[in-house]
Amino acid sequence: MIRTERLMLSRPKLSDVPDLFSFLGDPDAMRYTHVDTSLRQCRRRIAVHERRRRHEGIAPWTARLRTSGEIVGWGGVYEDPFDPGWGPELGFSFHPASQGRGLGSELAWAAIEFADQIRRLPKLAAFAHPENDASRRLLEKVGFQEIRYIPEMGRLYYERLRPDCDR
């Protein structure tokens, strides 16, 4: 488990799925990215990521508030098993009631520290929908640079190099 000032980040458990689905399955909350259409699909997505964690050592975490244990988000560093080929990337999703409170930045900084210090990953990728200003600002705040627009994805591609790596 990783602790930040306000969050506890841990491997998702099967019992987390209904709370995660409350926002991962919400078309409004996920309007800029993939929406799970059922609890079963959400459970499958989390299970596939957890299998990848066993092989690669990286996968999204469940984000809980330290004060209450309430699940408020899901994200971290992972290689996307559903859209492979981009290498390790940073991704995050938060319950709408938790957005705008700096929790995404807190998760992102923890994930970057994990990627840099523990996994020693030379580069992280990230994606943001062009209209998702909050995610774009967050990525730039934590050191990602916009590289290009990927038309087939309808997303902007970002990169961040580990500080001790050359571009």
Foldseek 3Di string as FASTA:
>chain_A
DDDFPWKDWAQDDLVCLVLALVQLQDCVQQVWHHHQVDSVSSSVQSVVQVVQCVVPVDGKTFIATPVPRRGFKIWAWGARPVDHDPPIATDMGTDPVPPPPCVVLRRHVVRVCCVCPPVVPFKYKYKTQPPPVVVVVSCVVNAWDFDAQDVVSNITMIMHGRVVDDD
